[in-house]
Amino acid sequence: MNVSAQPKNQLRVGRLVKAHGLKGALKLELYTDDPDGRFTPGASFTLQVPEQSEWHGKTVTVREFRWMNAQAVVFFEGVDDRNAADTLVRAILWIDEDEDAPAEDDAWYDHQLIGLDVVREGTVVGKVARVDHFPAQDLLIVAAGESEILVPFVKAIVPEVDLAAGRVIVTPPAGLFEELPDDPAPAASGDDASAEAPGTSA
C-alpha cells in the first residue's frame, strides 16, 4: 500500500478506526498521552492514507473532541455524516512537532530513530534505516549488512530506545535476524526397516 510521505518533524497521534453515529463522528485509537490537549477544536492534522483516497494530500481540522463510554471520539470540519466519516476510516493522523511541548513517553520522531545502532545482547547488529507506519503497527527497517530486517516496533521486541547513547535495544524472537537451522530428519532404525509386518510369515 502506498501512503503519503510524512515530513520528518511530525508526530503520529492517532488512527481513525470506525465511524460512530450518523453525524460524522469517528472513533480514535490514540497514540498520544495528551489527547485532550492534542485534539482541541481548531487543531489540524496531516493524513496518512492510500494514494487512491480522496483525502490523499489533505488535512483535517478538529471540530469537536469528546469521550463516549471511555472511547475517544472526534468530529472534523466538513465531515458531517456517516458516509463522509467512512471515507476516513483507517487514516493515521500526524501533527507538526511542537518543540516547546513536554516529551511524551514512548514517542519518537522518525528522524530521531533513523541512524541509531540496533543492539542485541550487547552486539550491534545493524542500523535503523527508516520507519514504516502501518495501521496495525510500526516497523523499524534495520539495515543489517546487505539485508533489511523488518522489526515490529513494539515494547516486547524493542524494549529500549536510548537517543543519548544513539541506540535501540532489541530482543527479537529466534529467526528474525538469522535463519533457523532445519530440523534434521529422523534417521530410520535398522530394526524398523527390516521388521516384518504383523501376521506375515516367510
N, C-alpha and C. Protein backbone atom coordinates (compact mmCIF):
# COMPACT_ATOMS: atom_id res chain seq x y z
N MET A 1 0.86 -1.19 0.00
CA MET A 1 0.00 0.00 0.00
C MET A 1 0.89 1.23 0.00
N ASN A 2 0.69 2.13 -0.93
CA ASN A 2 1.43 3.37 -0.96
C ASN A 2 0.73 4.39 -0.09
N VAL A 3 1.49 5.10 0.70
CA VAL A 3 0.93 6.11 1.57
C VAL A 3 1.65 7.42 1.31
N SER A 4 1.00 8.51 1.73
CA SER A 4 1.62 9.80 1.53
C SER A 4 2.84 9.93 2.43
N ALA A 5 3.87 10.57 1.90
CA ALA A 5 5.10 10.72 2.67
C ALA A 5 4.87 11.67 3.84
N GLN A 6 5.53 11.40 4.96
CA GLN A 6 5.38 12.23 6.13
C GLN A 6 6.60 13.12 6.32
N PRO A 7 6.39 14.41 6.61
CA PRO A 7 7.53 15.25 6.93
C PRO A 7 8.27 14.67 8.14
N LYS A 8 9.57 14.91 8.17
CA LYS A 8 10.36 14.29 9.23
C LYS A 8 9.92 14.74 10.62
N ASN A 9 9.60 16.02 10.77
CA ASN A 9 9.31 16.55 12.09
C ASN A 9 7.83 16.55 12.40
N GLN A 10 7.22 15.38 12.26
CA GLN A 10 5.83 15.22 12.63
C GLN A 10 5.71 14.03 13.57
N LEU A 11 4.66 14.06 14.38
CA LEU A 11 4.43 13.02 15.37
C LEU A 11 3.07 12.37 15.08
N ARG A 12 3.04 11.06 15.06
CA ARG A 12 1.79 10.32 14.87
C ARG A 12 1.01 10.34 16.18
N VAL A 13 -0.25 10.76 16.12
CA VAL A 13 -1.02 10.92 17.37
C VAL A 13 -2.29 10.08 17.41
N GLY A 14 -2.72 9.51 16.30
CA GLY A 14 -3.94 8.72 16.35
C GLY A 14 -4.27 8.05 15.03
N ARG A 15 -5.21 7.11 15.12
CA ARG A 15 -5.72 6.43 13.93
C ARG A 15 -7.24 6.39 14.02
N LEU A 16 -7.89 6.66 12.92
CA LEU A 16 -9.36 6.66 12.86
C LEU A 16 -9.82 5.24 12.58
N VAL A 17 -10.52 4.63 13.54
CA VAL A 17 -10.80 3.20 13.44
C VAL A 17 -12.22 2.86 12.99
N LYS A 18 -13.18 3.79 13.21
CA LYS A 18 -14.56 3.42 12.90
C LYS A 18 -15.45 4.64 12.94
N ALA A 19 -16.38 4.72 11.99
CA ALA A 19 -17.39 5.78 12.05
C ALA A 19 -18.31 5.53 13.24
N HIS A 20 -18.78 6.62 13.86
CA HIS A 20 -19.60 6.49 15.06
C HIS A 20 -20.83 7.38 14.91
N GLY A 21 -22.01 6.76 14.91
CA GLY A 21 -23.23 7.53 14.78
C GLY A 21 -23.45 8.03 13.37
N LEU A 22 -24.34 8.99 13.24
CA LEU A 22 -24.75 9.47 11.92
C LEU A 22 -24.29 10.88 11.60
N LYS A 23 -23.56 11.52 12.54
CA LYS A 23 -23.23 12.93 12.36
C LYS A 23 -21.76 13.18 12.07
N GLY A 24 -21.07 12.15 11.56
CA GLY A 24 -19.69 12.35 11.13
C GLY A 24 -18.63 12.05 12.16
N ALA A 25 -19.02 11.53 13.32
CA ALA A 25 -18.02 11.23 14.35
C ALA A 25 -17.20 10.00 13.98
N LEU A 26 -15.98 9.96 14.50
CA LEU A 26 -15.09 8.82 14.28
C LEU A 26 -14.44 8.42 15.60
N LYS A 27 -14.38 7.11 15.83
CA LYS A 27 -13.67 6.61 17.00
C LYS A 27 -12.17 6.66 16.73
N LEU A 28 -11.42 6.96 17.78
CA LEU A 28 -9.98 7.17 17.67
C LEU A 28 -9.19 6.11 18.43
N GLU A 29 -8.16 5.59 17.80
CA GLU A 29 -7.12 4.85 18.52
C GLU A 29 -6.01 5.86 18.79
N LEU A 30 -5.69 6.08 20.06
CA LEU A 30 -4.80 7.16 20.44
C LEU A 30 -3.36 6.70 20.54
N TYR A 31 -2.44 7.55 20.02
CA TYR A 31 -1.01 7.32 20.16
C TYR A 31 -0.36 8.51 20.89
N THR A 32 -1.11 9.14 21.75
CA THR A 32 -0.62 10.30 22.48
C THR A 32 -1.04 10.20 23.93
N ASP A 33 -0.20 10.72 24.82
CA ASP A 33 -0.53 10.73 26.25
C ASP A 33 -1.41 11.92 26.61
N ASP A 34 -1.63 12.85 25.68
CA ASP A 34 -2.39 14.07 25.97
C ASP A 34 -3.46 14.29 24.91
N PRO A 35 -4.44 13.38 24.80
CA PRO A 35 -5.45 13.53 23.75
C PRO A 35 -6.28 14.80 23.89
N ASP A 36 -6.60 15.19 25.12
CA ASP A 36 -7.42 16.40 25.29
C ASP A 36 -6.66 17.65 24.86
N GLY A 37 -5.33 17.61 25.00
CA GLY A 37 -4.53 18.74 24.54
C GLY A 37 -4.28 18.71 23.05
N ARG A 38 -4.14 17.51 22.48
CA ARG A 38 -3.85 17.39 21.05
C ARG A 38 -5.07 17.67 20.18
N PHE A 39 -6.25 17.22 20.64
CA PHE A 39 -7.44 17.27 19.79
C PHE A 39 -8.37 18.41 20.19
N THR A 40 -7.81 19.58 20.44
CA THR A 40 -8.62 20.75 20.74
C THR A 40 -9.27 21.27 19.45
N PRO A 41 -10.45 21.89 19.55
CA PRO A 41 -11.08 22.45 18.35
C PRO A 41 -10.13 23.40 17.63
N GLY A 42 -10.03 23.21 16.32
CA GLY A 42 -9.13 24.03 15.50
C GLY A 42 -7.80 23.37 15.21
N ALA A 43 -7.47 22.29 15.93
CA ALA A 43 -6.22 21.57 15.66
C ALA A 43 -6.31 20.88 14.31
N SER A 44 -5.24 20.97 13.53
CA SER A 44 -5.22 20.37 12.19
C SER A 44 -4.22 19.23 12.15
N PHE A 45 -4.54 18.22 11.34
CA PHE A 45 -3.71 17.03 11.24
C PHE A 45 -3.45 16.70 9.78
N THR A 46 -2.23 16.25 9.51
CA THR A 46 -1.90 15.67 8.22
C THR A 46 -2.40 14.24 8.20
N LEU A 47 -2.93 13.82 7.06
CA LEU A 47 -3.49 12.48 6.93
C LEU A 47 -2.53 11.54 6.22
N GLN A 48 -2.37 10.35 6.76
CA GLN A 48 -1.66 9.28 6.06
C GLN A 48 -2.72 8.31 5.55
N VAL A 49 -2.91 8.31 4.25
CA VAL A 49 -3.95 7.50 3.61
C VAL A 49 -3.39 6.94 2.30
N PRO A 50 -4.03 5.91 1.74
CA PRO A 50 -3.60 5.42 0.43
C PRO A 50 -3.68 6.51 -0.64
N GLU A 51 -2.84 6.40 -1.65
CA GLU A 51 -2.81 7.43 -2.70
C GLU A 51 -4.13 7.56 -3.43
N GLN A 52 -4.88 6.43 -3.50
CA GLN A 52 -6.15 6.49 -4.22
C GLN A 52 -7.27 7.12 -3.41
N SER A 53 -7.03 7.41 -2.13
CA SER A 53 -8.05 8.01 -1.28
C SER A 53 -8.33 9.44 -1.70
N GLU A 54 -9.59 9.86 -1.57
CA GLU A 54 -9.95 11.24 -1.86
C GLU A 54 -9.31 12.22 -0.87
N TRP A 55 -8.80 11.67 0.26
CA TRP A 55 -8.18 12.51 1.28
C TRP A 55 -6.67 12.62 1.11
N HIS A 56 -6.11 11.97 0.12
CA HIS A 56 -4.65 11.98 -0.05
C HIS A 56 -4.15 13.40 -0.26
N GLY A 57 -3.15 13.79 0.55
CA GLY A 57 -2.57 15.12 0.43
C GLY A 57 -3.35 16.20 1.15
N LYS A 58 -4.41 15.83 1.88
CA LYS A 58 -5.25 16.82 2.56
C LYS A 58 -5.02 16.76 4.07
N THR A 59 -5.57 17.75 4.75
CA THR A 59 -5.54 17.80 6.20
C THR A 59 -6.97 17.83 6.73
N VAL A 60 -7.12 17.54 8.01
CA VAL A 60 -8.42 17.66 8.66
C VAL A 60 -8.28 18.54 9.89
N THR A 61 -9.37 19.22 10.24
CA THR A 61 -9.38 20.14 11.38
C THR A 61 -10.44 19.71 12.37
N VAL A 62 -10.07 19.65 13.63
CA VAL A 62 -10.98 19.19 14.68
C VAL A 62 -12.10 20.20 14.89
N ARG A 63 -13.33 19.69 14.86
CA ARG A 63 -14.50 20.49 15.22
C ARG A 63 -14.88 20.26 16.68
N GLU A 64 -14.78 19.00 17.10
CA GLU A 64 -15.13 18.66 18.49
C GLU A 64 -14.44 17.35 18.87
N PHE A 65 -14.02 17.25 20.12
CA PHE A 65 -13.45 16.03 20.66
C PHE A 65 -14.17 15.72 21.97
N ARG A 66 -14.54 14.45 22.14
CA ARG A 66 -15.23 14.07 23.37
C ARG A 66 -14.93 12.61 23.70
N TRP A 67 -15.32 12.23 24.93
CA TRP A 67 -15.21 10.85 25.37
C TRP A 67 -16.60 10.26 25.48
N MET A 68 -16.78 9.08 24.89
CA MET A 68 -18.06 8.38 24.96
C MET A 68 -17.80 6.96 25.47
N ASN A 69 -18.25 6.67 26.68
CA ASN A 69 -18.02 5.35 27.28
C ASN A 69 -16.54 4.99 27.25
N ALA A 70 -15.69 5.94 27.66
CA ALA A 70 -14.25 5.78 27.74
C ALA A 70 -13.59 5.63 26.37
N GLN A 71 -14.32 5.87 25.29
CA GLN A 71 -13.78 5.81 23.93
C GLN A 71 -13.61 7.23 23.38
N ALA A 72 -12.43 7.52 22.86
CA ALA A 72 -12.18 8.83 22.26
C ALA A 72 -12.92 8.95 20.93
N VAL A 73 -13.65 10.05 20.76
CA VAL A 73 -14.42 10.29 19.54
C VAL A 73 -14.11 11.71 19.05
N VAL A 74 -13.92 11.85 17.74
CA VAL A 74 -13.57 13.15 17.19
C VAL A 74 -14.51 13.48 16.02
N PHE A 75 -14.82 14.77 15.90
CA PHE A 75 -15.57 15.31 14.76
C PHE A 75 -14.65 16.27 14.02
N PHE A 76 -14.67 16.22 12.69
CA PHE A 76 -13.84 17.11 11.88
C PHE A 76 -14.72 18.06 11.08
N GLU A 77 -14.17 19.24 10.81
CA GLU A 77 -14.88 20.21 9.98
C GLU A 77 -15.08 19.63 8.58
N GLY A 78 -16.30 19.76 8.04
CA GLY A 78 -16.60 19.28 6.71
C GLY A 78 -16.95 17.81 6.64
N VAL A 79 -16.88 17.10 7.77
CA VAL A 79 -17.27 15.69 7.82
C VAL A 79 -18.54 15.63 8.65
N ASP A 80 -19.69 15.67 7.96
CA ASP A 80 -20.95 15.92 8.64
C ASP A 80 -21.89 14.73 8.70
N ASP A 81 -21.52 13.61 8.06
CA ASP A 81 -22.41 12.45 8.13
C ASP A 81 -21.58 11.17 8.12
N ARG A 82 -22.27 10.07 8.30
CA ARG A 82 -21.56 8.79 8.42
C ARG A 82 -20.84 8.42 7.12
N ASN A 83 -21.45 8.72 5.98
CA ASN A 83 -20.81 8.37 4.71
C ASN A 83 -19.46 9.07 4.58
N ALA A 84 -19.41 10.35 4.94
CA ALA A 84 -18.15 11.09 4.87
C ALA A 84 -17.15 10.52 5.88
N ALA A 85 -17.62 10.17 7.07
CA ALA A 85 -16.73 9.61 8.08
C ALA A 85 -16.13 8.29 7.62
N ASP A 86 -16.93 7.48 6.94
CA ASP A 86 -16.44 6.18 6.47
C ASP A 86 -15.24 6.33 5.53
N THR A 87 -15.15 7.43 4.80
CA THR A 87 -14.04 7.62 3.87
C THR A 87 -12.72 7.89 4.60
N LEU A 88 -12.80 8.16 5.91
CA LEU A 88 -11.59 8.44 6.69
C LEU A 88 -11.15 7.27 7.56
N VAL A 89 -11.93 6.20 7.59
CA VAL A 89 -11.59 5.06 8.44
C VAL A 89 -10.22 4.50 8.02
N ARG A 90 -9.38 4.21 9.00
CA ARG A 90 -8.02 3.67 8.86
C ARG A 90 -6.98 4.76 8.59
N ALA A 91 -7.40 6.01 8.43
CA ALA A 91 -6.42 7.09 8.25
C ALA A 91 -5.62 7.29 9.54
N ILE A 92 -4.34 7.60 9.39
CA ILE A 92 -3.47 7.89 10.52
C ILE A 92 -3.25 9.40 10.58
N LEU A 93 -3.31 9.95 11.78
CA LEU A 93 -3.23 11.40 11.98
C LEU A 93 -1.83 11.79 12.47
N TRP A 94 -1.28 12.82 11.82
CA TRP A 94 0.04 13.35 12.19
C TRP A 94 -0.09 14.82 12.51
N ILE A 95 0.74 15.29 13.43
CA ILE A 95 0.72 16.70 13.80
C ILE A 95 2.15 17.22 13.80
N ASP A 96 2.33 18.49 13.47
CA ASP A 96 3.66 19.07 13.47
C ASP A 96 4.27 19.02 14.86
N GLU A 97 5.57 18.80 14.90
CA GLU A 97 6.30 18.76 16.16
C GLU A 97 6.19 20.10 16.87
N ASP A 98 5.88 20.04 18.15
CA ASP A 98 5.84 21.24 18.99
C ASP A 98 7.06 21.17 19.90
N GLU A 99 8.09 21.93 19.57
CA GLU A 99 9.34 21.83 20.30
C GLU A 99 9.22 22.33 21.73
N ASP A 100 8.18 23.12 22.01
CA ASP A 100 8.01 23.65 23.36
C ASP A 100 7.19 22.71 24.25
N ALA A 101 6.57 21.69 23.64
CA ALA A 101 5.74 20.78 24.42
C ALA A 101 6.61 19.76 25.13
N PRO A 102 6.19 19.32 26.33
CA PRO A 102 6.97 18.28 27.02
C PRO A 102 6.97 16.99 26.23
N ALA A 103 8.06 16.25 26.32
CA ALA A 103 8.16 14.99 25.60
C ALA A 103 7.17 13.97 26.16
N GLU A 104 6.61 13.18 25.27
CA GLU A 104 5.69 12.14 25.68
C GLU A 104 6.44 10.83 25.84
N ASP A 105 5.96 10.01 26.76
CA ASP A 105 6.59 8.72 26.96
C ASP A 105 6.42 7.86 25.72
N ASP A 106 7.49 7.14 25.37
CA ASP A 106 7.44 6.18 24.26
C ASP A 106 6.99 6.82 22.96
N ALA A 107 7.38 8.09 22.73
CA ALA A 107 7.04 8.76 21.47
C ALA A 107 8.31 9.36 20.89
N TRP A 108 8.62 8.95 19.66
CA TRP A 108 9.82 9.45 19.00
C TRP A 108 9.47 9.84 17.58
N TYR A 109 10.20 10.82 17.08
CA TYR A 109 10.05 11.21 15.70
C TYR A 109 10.91 10.30 14.82
N ASP A 110 10.47 10.10 13.59
CA ASP A 110 11.20 9.21 12.69
C ASP A 110 12.66 9.64 12.56
N HIS A 111 12.90 10.94 12.44
CA HIS A 111 14.28 11.40 12.21
C HIS A 111 15.17 11.15 13.43
N GLN A 112 14.55 10.99 14.62
CA GLN A 112 15.34 10.66 15.81
C GLN A 112 15.79 9.20 15.80
N LEU A 113 15.01 8.35 15.18
CA LEU A 113 15.30 6.91 15.18
C LEU A 113 16.25 6.50 14.06
N ILE A 114 16.12 7.17 12.91
CA ILE A 114 16.92 6.78 11.75
C ILE A 114 18.41 7.00 12.04
N GLY A 115 19.20 5.96 11.79
CA GLY A 115 20.64 6.03 12.01
C GLY A 115 21.09 5.47 13.35
N LEU A 116 20.15 5.16 14.26
CA LEU A 116 20.53 4.60 15.55
C LEU A 116 21.07 3.18 15.37
N ASP A 117 22.08 2.84 16.19
CA ASP A 117 22.56 1.46 16.22
C ASP A 117 21.48 0.56 16.80
N VAL A 118 21.38 -0.63 16.25
CA VAL A 118 20.45 -1.64 16.77
C VAL A 118 21.29 -2.68 17.51
N VAL A 119 21.05 -2.82 18.80
CA VAL A 119 21.91 -3.63 19.67
C VAL A 119 21.12 -4.81 20.21
N ARG A 120 21.71 -5.99 20.01
CA ARG A 120 21.12 -7.23 20.51
C ARG A 120 22.15 -7.94 21.38
N GLU A 121 21.79 -8.16 22.65
CA GLU A 121 22.68 -8.84 23.60
C GLU A 121 24.08 -8.22 23.60
N GLY A 122 24.13 -6.89 23.58
CA GLY A 122 25.39 -6.17 23.67
C GLY A 122 26.14 -6.02 22.36
N THR A 123 25.62 -6.57 21.28
CA THR A 123 26.29 -6.52 19.98
C THR A 123 25.47 -5.70 18.99
N VAL A 124 26.15 -4.82 18.26
CA VAL A 124 25.46 -4.04 17.22
C VAL A 124 25.17 -4.95 16.04
N VAL A 125 23.90 -5.07 15.69
CA VAL A 125 23.52 -5.97 14.59
C VAL A 125 23.04 -5.21 13.36
N GLY A 126 22.99 -3.89 13.42
CA GLY A 126 22.56 -3.10 12.27
C GLY A 126 22.24 -1.68 12.67
N LYS A 127 21.67 -0.93 11.74
CA LYS A 127 21.24 0.44 11.99
C LYS A 127 19.82 0.64 11.49
N VAL A 128 19.09 1.52 12.14
CA VAL A 128 17.73 1.85 11.70
C VAL A 128 17.82 2.64 10.41
N ALA A 129 17.29 2.09 9.33
CA ALA A 129 17.34 2.75 8.02
C ALA A 129 16.12 3.66 7.81
N ARG A 130 14.98 3.21 8.30
CA ARG A 130 13.77 4.03 8.18
C ARG A 130 12.70 3.42 9.10
N VAL A 131 11.58 4.13 9.20
CA VAL A 131 10.44 3.66 9.99
C VAL A 131 9.23 3.62 9.06
N ASP A 132 8.59 2.46 8.96
CA ASP A 132 7.38 2.33 8.17
C ASP A 132 6.19 2.29 9.11
N HIS A 133 5.15 3.05 8.76
CA HIS A 133 3.97 3.15 9.61
C HIS A 133 2.79 2.47 8.93
N PHE A 134 2.18 1.55 9.63
CA PHE A 134 1.01 0.84 9.13
C PHE A 134 -0.09 0.91 10.18
N PRO A 135 -1.35 0.71 9.77
CA PRO A 135 -2.43 0.79 10.75
C PRO A 135 -2.27 -0.16 11.92
N ALA A 136 -1.77 -1.36 11.69
CA ALA A 136 -1.67 -2.33 12.77
C ALA A 136 -0.51 -2.01 13.71
N GLN A 137 0.64 -1.60 13.16
CA GLN A 137 1.82 -1.32 13.98
C GLN A 137 2.86 -0.62 13.13
N ASP A 138 3.90 -0.10 13.81
CA ASP A 138 5.04 0.48 13.12
C ASP A 138 6.13 -0.58 12.97
N LEU A 139 6.96 -0.42 11.95
CA LEU A 139 8.09 -1.31 11.73
C LEU A 139 9.37 -0.50 11.65
N LEU A 140 10.40 -0.94 12.39
CA LEU A 140 11.73 -0.41 12.20
C LEU A 140 12.39 -1.22 11.09
N ILE A 141 12.86 -0.54 10.05
CA ILE A 141 13.57 -1.22 8.97
C ILE A 141 15.06 -1.11 9.29
N VAL A 142 15.65 -2.25 9.62
CA VAL A 142 17.03 -2.29 10.10
C VAL A 142 17.94 -2.78 8.97
N ALA A 143 18.93 -1.96 8.64
CA ALA A 143 19.94 -2.36 7.66
C ALA A 143 20.98 -3.20 8.39
N ALA A 144 21.04 -4.49 8.01
CA ALA A 144 21.99 -5.42 8.61
C ALA A 144 22.80 -6.05 7.49
N GLY A 145 23.99 -5.50 7.24
CA GLY A 145 24.78 -5.96 6.10
C GLY A 145 24.07 -5.64 4.80
N GLU A 146 23.86 -6.65 3.97
CA GLU A 146 23.18 -6.47 2.70
C GLU A 146 21.66 -6.64 2.83
N SER A 147 21.21 -6.95 4.03
CA SER A 147 19.79 -7.26 4.24
C SER A 147 19.07 -6.13 4.96
N GLU A 148 17.75 -6.11 4.78
CA GLU A 148 16.89 -5.25 5.56
C GLU A 148 15.98 -6.14 6.40
N ILE A 149 16.00 -5.91 7.71
CA ILE A 149 15.20 -6.69 8.63
C ILE A 149 14.03 -5.83 9.09
N LEU A 150 12.81 -6.37 9.02
CA LEU A 150 11.62 -5.66 9.45
C LEU A 150 11.34 -6.03 10.90
N VAL A 151 11.52 -5.07 11.80
CA VAL A 151 11.38 -5.32 13.23
C VAL A 151 10.13 -4.62 13.75
N PRO A 152 9.13 -5.35 14.23
CA PRO A 152 7.94 -4.72 14.80
C PRO A 152 8.34 -3.78 15.95
N PHE A 153 7.88 -2.55 15.88
CA PHE A 153 8.25 -1.55 16.88
C PHE A 153 7.28 -1.63 18.05
N VAL A 154 7.43 -2.69 18.81
CA VAL A 154 6.60 -2.92 19.98
C VAL A 154 7.51 -3.16 21.18
N LYS A 155 6.98 -2.93 22.37
CA LYS A 155 7.79 -2.98 23.59
C LYS A 155 8.43 -4.35 23.80
N ALA A 156 7.73 -5.41 23.42
CA ALA A 156 8.26 -6.75 23.66
C ALA A 156 9.52 -7.03 22.85
N ILE A 157 9.65 -6.37 21.69
CA ILE A 157 10.79 -6.62 20.80
C ILE A 157 11.79 -5.47 20.83
N VAL A 158 11.31 -4.26 21.06
CA VAL A 158 12.19 -3.08 21.18
C VAL A 158 11.95 -2.46 22.55
N PRO A 159 12.54 -3.04 23.60
CA PRO A 159 12.23 -2.58 24.96
C PRO A 159 12.84 -1.25 25.33
N GLU A 160 13.85 -0.78 24.58
CA GLU A 160 14.53 0.45 24.98
C GLU A 160 14.99 1.24 23.77
N VAL A 161 14.71 2.54 23.80
CA VAL A 161 15.26 3.48 22.83
C VAL A 161 16.08 4.49 23.62
N ASP A 162 17.37 4.55 23.37
CA ASP A 162 18.28 5.44 24.09
C ASP A 162 18.87 6.44 23.10
N LEU A 163 18.19 7.57 22.96
CA LEU A 163 18.65 8.56 21.99
C LEU A 163 20.02 9.12 22.36
N ALA A 164 20.26 9.31 23.67
CA ALA A 164 21.53 9.87 24.11
C ALA A 164 22.70 8.96 23.74
N ALA A 165 22.47 7.64 23.84
CA ALA A 165 23.52 6.68 23.51
C ALA A 165 23.53 6.32 22.03
N GLY A 166 22.51 6.78 21.29
CA GLY A 166 22.46 6.51 19.86
C GLY A 166 22.13 5.08 19.52
N ARG A 167 21.25 4.45 20.29
CA ARG A 167 20.98 3.04 20.05
C ARG A 167 19.55 2.67 20.43
N VAL A 168 19.10 1.57 19.86
CA VAL A 168 17.88 0.91 20.31
C VAL A 168 18.26 -0.51 20.69
N ILE A 169 17.66 -0.98 21.76
CA ILE A 169 17.90 -2.34 22.21
C ILE A 169 16.78 -3.23 21.66
N VAL A 170 17.15 -4.37 21.08
CA VAL A 170 16.14 -5.28 20.56
C VAL A 170 16.29 -6.65 21.23
N THR A 171 15.16 -7.29 21.44
CA THR A 171 15.12 -8.67 21.95
C THR A 171 14.23 -9.47 21.01
N PRO A 172 14.71 -9.70 19.78
CA PRO A 172 13.86 -10.30 18.75
C PRO A 172 13.63 -11.78 18.98
N PRO A 173 12.53 -12.30 18.46
CA PRO A 173 12.32 -13.74 18.52
C PRO A 173 13.33 -14.46 17.63
N ALA A 174 13.57 -15.72 17.93
CA ALA A 174 14.50 -16.51 17.13
C ALA A 174 14.06 -16.52 15.67
N GLY A 175 15.03 -16.30 14.78
CA GLY A 175 14.73 -16.34 13.36
C GLY A 175 14.52 -14.99 12.72
N LEU A 176 14.40 -13.92 13.53
CA LEU A 176 14.17 -12.61 12.94
C LEU A 176 15.45 -12.06 12.31
N PHE A 177 16.58 -12.25 12.97
CA PHE A 177 17.85 -11.74 12.46
C PHE A 177 18.73 -12.84 11.87
N GLU A 178 18.29 -14.09 11.97
CA GLU A 178 19.08 -15.18 11.41
C GLU A 178 18.14 -16.30 10.99
N GLU A 179 18.61 -17.09 10.06
CA GLU A 179 17.81 -18.23 9.63
C GLU A 179 17.99 -19.36 10.62
N LEU A 180 16.87 -19.97 10.97
CA LEU A 180 16.93 -21.10 11.88
C LEU A 180 17.34 -22.35 11.11
N PRO A 181 18.16 -23.21 11.71
CA PRO A 181 18.53 -24.46 11.02
C PRO A 181 17.32 -25.34 10.84
N ASP A 182 17.31 -26.06 9.73
CA ASP A 182 16.23 -27.01 9.51
C ASP A 182 16.35 -28.16 10.50
N ASP A 183 15.20 -28.64 10.97
CA ASP A 183 15.22 -29.80 11.85
C ASP A 183 15.71 -31.01 11.07
N PRO A 184 16.71 -31.73 11.61
CA PRO A 184 17.17 -32.92 10.88
C PRO A 184 16.10 -33.98 10.84
N ALA A 185 16.01 -34.64 9.69
CA ALA A 185 15.01 -35.70 9.55
C ALA A 185 15.42 -36.88 10.43
N PRO A 186 14.48 -37.47 11.14
CA PRO A 186 14.84 -38.61 11.99
C PRO A 186 15.38 -39.76 11.16
N ALA A 187 16.49 -40.36 11.63
CA ALA A 187 17.09 -41.49 10.91
C ALA A 187 16.25 -42.73 11.09
N ALA A 188 16.11 -43.49 10.02
CA ALA A 188 15.33 -44.72 10.09
C ALA A 188 16.10 -45.77 10.87
N SER A 189 15.42 -46.45 11.75
CA SER A 189 16.05 -47.50 12.55
C SER A 189 16.22 -48.75 11.70
N GLY A 190 17.39 -49.37 11.84
CA GLY A 190 17.63 -50.60 11.09
C GLY A 190 16.63 -51.68 11.46
N ASP A 191 16.27 -51.75 12.74
CA ASP A 191 15.29 -52.76 13.16
C ASP A 191 13.95 -52.50 12.52
N ASP A 192 13.56 -51.15 12.49
CA ASP A 192 12.26 -50.83 11.89
C ASP A 192 12.27 -51.17 10.42
N ALA A 193 13.40 -50.89 9.76
CA ALA A 193 13.44 -51.08 8.31
C ALA A 193 13.32 -52.55 7.96
N SER A 194 13.82 -53.43 8.84
CA SER A 194 13.82 -54.84 8.48
C SER A 194 12.69 -55.64 9.11
N ALA A 195 11.88 -54.93 9.94
CA ALA A 195 10.81 -55.65 10.64
C ALA A 195 9.76 -56.09 9.66
N GLU A 196 9.22 -57.30 9.89
CA GLU A 196 8.13 -57.79 9.05
C GLU A 196 6.81 -57.28 9.54
N ALA A 197 5.88 -57.12 8.66
CA ALA A 197 4.55 -56.68 9.05
C ALA A 197 3.92 -57.76 9.90
N PRO A 198 3.09 -57.35 10.90
CA PRO A 198 2.45 -58.34 11.77
C PRO A 198 1.61 -59.31 10.95
N GLY A 199 1.66 -60.58 11.37
CA GLY A 199 0.79 -61.58 10.77
C GLY A 199 1.33 -62.18 9.49
N THR A 200 2.55 -61.82 9.09
CA THR A 200 3.11 -62.38 7.85
C THR A 200 4.10 -63.46 8.22
N SER A 201 4.37 -64.33 7.29
CA SER A 201 5.36 -65.40 7.52
C SER A 201 6.18 -65.59 6.26
N ALA A 202 7.39 -66.10 6.45
CA ALA A 202 8.27 -66.32 5.32
C ALA A 202 7.74 -67.40 4.44
